[in-house]
C-alpha atoms as a PDB file:
ATOM      1  CA  LEU A   1      -2.327 -36.069   7.605  1.00  0.00           C
ATOM      2  CA  LEU A   2      -1.186 -37.512  10.812  1.00  0.00           C
ATOM      3  CA  GLY A   3      -0.428 -33.549  11.763  1.00  0.00           C
ATOM      4  CA  ILE A   4      -4.227 -32.798  11.083  1.00  0.00           C
ATOM      5  CA  LEU A   5      -5.432 -35.709  13.026  1.00  0.00           C
ATOM      6  CA  LYS A   6      -4.208 -34.261  16.341  1.00  0.00           C
ATOM      7  CA  VAL A   7      -6.333 -30.977  15.456  1.00  0.00           C
ATOM      8  CA  ILE A   8      -9.202 -32.969  14.648  1.00  0.00           C
ATOM      9  CA  ARG A   9      -9.251 -34.851  17.852  1.00  0.00           C
ATOM     10  CA  MET A  10      -8.596 -31.840  19.778  1.00  0.00           C
ATOM     11  CA  THR A  11      -6.126 -33.449  22.411  1.00  0.00           C
ATOM     12  CA  ASP A  12      -3.701 -30.653  22.577  1.00  0.00           C
ATOM     13  CA  SER A  13      -5.379 -27.312  23.363  1.00  0.00           C
ATOM     14  CA  ASP A  14      -2.317 -25.099  22.314  1.00  0.00           C
ATOM     15  CA  LEU A  15      -2.193 -26.687  18.821  1.00  0.00           C
ATOM     16  CA  ASN A  16      -6.266 -26.297  18.873  1.00  0.00           C
ATOM     17  CA  MET A  17      -5.621 -22.592  19.652  1.00  0.00           C
ATOM     18  CA  LEU A  18      -2.963 -22.227  17.026  1.00  0.00           C
ATOM     19  CA  ALA A  19      -5.075 -23.916  14.122  1.00  0.00           C
ATOM     20  CA  LEU A  20      -8.802 -23.025  15.051  1.00  0.00           C
ATOM     21  CA  GLY A  21      -7.800 -19.870  16.807  1.00  0.00           C
ATOM     22  CA  MET A  22     -10.297 -18.615  19.596  1.00  0.00           C
ATOM     23  CA  ASP A  23     -13.622 -17.213  20.139  1.00  0.00           C
ATOM     24  CA  LEU A  24     -13.210 -13.319  20.087  1.00  0.00           C
ATOM     25  CA  THR A  25     -16.240 -12.838  22.405  1.00  0.00           C
ATOM     26  CA  THR A  26     -14.143 -14.098  25.266  1.00  0.00           C
ATOM     27  CA  LEU A  27     -11.771 -11.265  24.929  1.00  0.00           C
ATOM     28  CA  GLY A  28     -14.731  -8.885  25.542  1.00  0.00           C
ATOM     29  CA  LEU A  29     -15.198  -7.945  22.224  1.00  0.00           C
ATOM     30  CA  ASN A  30     -18.730  -7.102  21.010  1.00  0.00           C
ATOM     31  CA  LEU A  31     -18.866  -8.427  17.697  1.00  0.00           C
ATOM     32  CA  ASN A  32     -22.550  -7.250  17.019  1.00  0.00           C
ATOM     33  CA  SER A  33     -21.820  -3.569  18.158  1.00  0.00           C
ATOM     34  CA  PRO A  34     -21.990  -1.173  14.923  1.00  0.00           C
ATOM     35  CA  GLU A  35     -19.097   1.023  16.536  1.00  0.00           C
ATOM     36  CA  CYS A  36     -15.539   0.005  15.531  1.00  0.00           C
ATOM     37  CA  LEU A  37     -13.833  -2.574  17.215  1.00  0.00           C
ATOM     38  CA  TYR A  38     -10.511  -0.947  17.008  1.00  0.00           C
ATOM     39  CA  ALA A  39     -11.470   1.654  19.170  1.00  0.00           C
ATOM     40  CA  THR A  40     -12.108  -0.446  22.481  1.00  0.00           C
ATOM     41  CA  PHE A  41      -9.702  -3.513  21.657  1.00  0.00           C
ATOM     42  CA  ALA A  42      -6.150  -2.775  23.080  1.00  0.00           C
ATOM     43  CA  SER A  43      -4.504  -6.084  23.031  1.00  0.00           C
ATOM     44  CA  PRO A  44      -5.365  -9.908  23.383  1.00  0.00           C
ATOM     45  CA  TRP A  45      -3.021  -9.570  26.534  1.00  0.00           C
ATOM     46  CA  SER A  46      -4.942  -6.579  28.123  1.00  0.00           C
ATOM     47  CA  ASP A  47      -7.776  -6.983  30.838  1.00  0.00           C
ATOM     48  CA  THR A  48      -8.785  -3.429  30.286  1.00  0.00           C
ATOM     49  CA  PRO A  49     -10.350  -1.616  27.058  1.00  0.00           C
ATOM     50  CA  ALA A  50      -8.236   0.975  25.254  1.00  0.00           C
ATOM     51  CA  ARG A  51      -8.457   4.413  26.275  1.00  0.00           C
ATOM     52  CA  LYS A  52      -9.936   6.965  23.809  1.00  0.00           C
ATOM     53  CA  ASP A  53      -7.381   9.312  23.853  1.00  0.00           C
ATOM     54  CA  PRO A  54      -3.479   8.362  24.817  1.00  0.00           C
ATOM     55  CA  GLU A  55      -2.002  10.118  27.790  1.00  0.00           C
ATOM     56  CA  PHE A  56       0.814  12.205  26.665  1.00  0.00           C
ATOM     57  CA  TYR A  57       2.156  15.746  27.368  1.00  0.00           C
ATOM     58  CA  LEU A  58       3.282  18.270  24.288  1.00  0.00           C
ATOM     59  CA  PRO A  59       5.689  20.913  24.969  1.00  0.00           C
ATOM     60  CA  PRO A  60       4.565  24.408  24.425  1.00  0.00           C
ATOM     61  CA  CYS A  61       7.230  24.819  21.826  1.00  0.00           C
ATOM     62  CA  TYR A  62       5.035  22.902  19.627  1.00  0.00           C
ATOM     63  CA  TYR A  63       2.093  25.073  19.676  1.00  0.00           C
ATOM     64  CA  MET A  64       4.221  28.240  18.672  1.00  0.00           C
ATOM     65  CA  ASN A  65       3.877  29.218  15.028  1.00  0.00           C
ATOM     66  CA  PRO A  66       6.939  29.291  12.891  1.00  0.00           C
ATOM     67  CA  PRO A  67       8.382  32.788  11.857  1.00  0.00           C
ATOM     68  CA  GLN A  68       6.888  33.911   8.482  1.00  0.00           C
ATOM     69  CA  LEU A  69       9.871  33.698   6.057  1.00  0.00           C
ATOM     70  CA  LYS A  70      10.463  37.144   4.415  1.00  0.00           C
ATOM     71  CA  THR A  71      11.542  37.507   0.839  1.00  0.00           C
ATOM     72  CA  ALA A  72      14.700  39.364   1.899  1.00  0.00           C
ATOM     73  CA  HIS A  73      15.876  35.861   3.658  1.00  0.00           C
ATOM     74  CA  LEU A  74      16.054  34.327   0.009  1.00  0.00           C
ATOM     75  CA  GLN A  75      18.907  36.404  -0.685  1.00  0.00           C
ATOM     76  CA  LYS A  76      20.948  34.587   1.696  1.00  0.00           C
ATOM     77  CA  PHE A  77      20.194  31.181   0.780  1.00  0.00           C
ATOM     78  CA  SER A  78      22.550  29.287  -1.578  1.00  0.00           C
ATOM     79  CA  LEU A  79      21.806  28.522  -5.094  1.00  0.00           C
ATOM     80  CA  GLU A  80      21.052  24.586  -4.216  1.00  0.00           C
ATOM     81  CA  THR A  81      18.379  25.980  -1.771  1.00  0.00           C
ATOM     82  CA  LEU A  82      16.651  28.127  -4.245  1.00  0.00           C
ATOM     83  CA  PHE A  83      16.682  25.331  -6.964  1.00  0.00           C
ATOM     84  CA  TYR A  84      15.152  23.110  -4.283  1.00  0.00           C
ATOM     85  CA  ILE A  85      12.402  25.372  -3.542  1.00  0.00           C
ATOM     86  CA  PHE A  86      11.591  26.304  -7.117  1.00  0.00           C
ATOM     87  CA  PHE A  87      11.171  22.516  -8.101  1.00  0.00           C
ATOM     88  CA  ASN A  88       9.547  20.993  -5.114  1.00  0.00           C
ATOM     89  CA  MET A  89       7.082  23.653  -4.228  1.00  0.00           C
ATOM     90  CA  PRO A  90       5.223  24.032  -7.394  1.00  0.00           C
ATOM     91  CA  GLY A  91       2.226  26.388  -7.478  1.00  0.00           C
ATOM     92  CA  ASP A  92       3.542  28.223  -4.092  1.00  0.00           C
ATOM     93  CA  THR A  93       4.561  31.703  -3.765  1.00  0.00           C
ATOM     94  CA  LEU A  94       7.828  30.925  -2.570  1.00  0.00           C
ATOM     95  CA  GLN A  95       8.075  29.094  -6.022  1.00  0.00           C
ATOM     96  CA  ALA A  96       7.663  32.337  -7.743  1.00  0.00           C
ATOM     97  CA  TYR A  97      10.156  34.278  -5.036  1.00  0.00           C
ATOM     98  CA  ALA A  98      12.650  31.666  -5.621  1.00  0.00           C
ATOM     99  CA  ALA A  99      12.208  32.464  -9.507  1.00  0.00           C
ATOM    100  CA  ALA A 100      12.735  36.074  -8.808  1.00  0.00           C
ATOM    101  CA  GLU A 101      15.716  35.648  -6.791  1.00  0.00           C
ATOM    102  CA  LEU A 102      17.305  33.266  -9.404  1.00  0.00           C
ATOM    103  CA  TYR A 103      16.910  35.581 -11.771  1.00  0.00           C
ATOM    104  CA  ASN A 104      18.191  38.420  -9.840  1.00  0.00           C
ATOM    105  CA  ARG A 105      21.302  36.280  -9.873  1.00  0.00           C
ATOM    106  CA  GLY A 106      21.471  35.964 -13.464  1.00  0.00           C
ATOM    107  CA  TRP A 107      19.888  32.924 -14.245  1.00  0.00           C
ATOM    108  CA  LYS A 108      17.419  32.462 -16.830  1.00  0.00           C
ATOM    109  CA  TYR A 109      14.608  29.842 -17.027  1.00  0.00           C
ATOM    110  CA  HIS A 110      13.560  28.066 -20.648  1.00  0.00           C
ATOM    111  CA  ARG A 111      10.173  26.992 -20.308  1.00  0.00           C
ATOM    112  CA  ASP A 112      10.637  24.396 -23.132  1.00  0.00           C
ATOM    113  CA  LEU A 113      13.260  22.686 -21.784  1.00  0.00           C
ATOM    114  CA  LYS A 114      12.195  23.252 -18.028  1.00  0.00           C
ATOM    115  CA  ALA A 115      15.696  24.310 -16.910  1.00  0.00           C
ATOM    116  CA  TRP A 116      17.873  27.277 -15.609  1.00  0.00           C
ATOM    117  CA  PHE A 117      20.571  28.558 -17.557  1.00  0.00           C
ATOM    118  CA  VAL A 118      23.398  31.213 -16.530  1.00  0.00           C
ATOM    119  CA  LEU A 119      25.867  32.635 -18.984  1.00  0.00           C
ATOM    120  CA  GLN A 120      29.545  32.549 -17.470  1.00  0.00           C
ATOM    121  CA  GLU A 121      32.839  33.472 -18.403  1.00  0.00           C
ATOM    122  CA  GLU A 122      35.787  31.022 -18.484  1.00  0.00           C
ATOM    123  CA  GLU A 123      39.236  31.854 -19.761  1.00  0.00           C
ATOM    124  CA  GLY A 124      37.464  35.223 -21.752  1.00  0.00           C
ATOM    125  CA  GLN A 125      35.018  32.745 -23.319  1.00  0.00           C
ATOM    126  CA  PRO A 126      31.450  33.024 -22.502  1.00  0.00           C
ATOM    127  CA  ARG A 127      29.530  29.796 -22.159  1.00  0.00           C
ATOM    128  CA  TRP A 128      26.102  28.997 -20.861  1.00  0.00           C
ATOM    129  CA  VAL A 129      25.922  26.719 -17.893  1.00  0.00           C
ATOM    130  CA  CYS A 130      22.619  24.628 -17.204  1.00  0.00           C
ATOM    131  CA  PHE A 131      21.148  23.513 -14.088  1.00  0.00           C
ATOM    132  CA  ASP A 132      19.386  20.338 -15.053  1.00  0.00           C
ATOM    133  CA  PRO A 133      17.011  18.944 -11.862  1.00  0.00           C
ATOM    134  CA  ASN A 134      17.402  15.561 -13.291  1.00  0.00           C
ATOM    135  CA  THR A 135      20.987  15.029 -13.174  1.00  0.00           C
END
């Protein structure tokens, strides 16, 4: 209670500012304005209002459109990249292209198990190898 007594008596201005705060209208904010306050309020340490648009220069390379990915490029992708495209781009046309390329490489998709399988031979014995995205 002794600590709050100093705040009540208002003897220390710094303690008062910390405990009770400050009148925001002294910072140039119009609290009755229908506009958003954050658009004009830059900082309590700034004397000027915030600018609407920040000043920056965007290099021309950011305005360029990336080259279109052709289906022939998928033949050069690794299996991991094709599986990434298939599982992380659902509903995209690239998912269908990745599935077609995986099928061309001998992989088969099981709809119920939601996994890809390929038949490989080891030591003369055929066996099914599964790609499970969860492991």
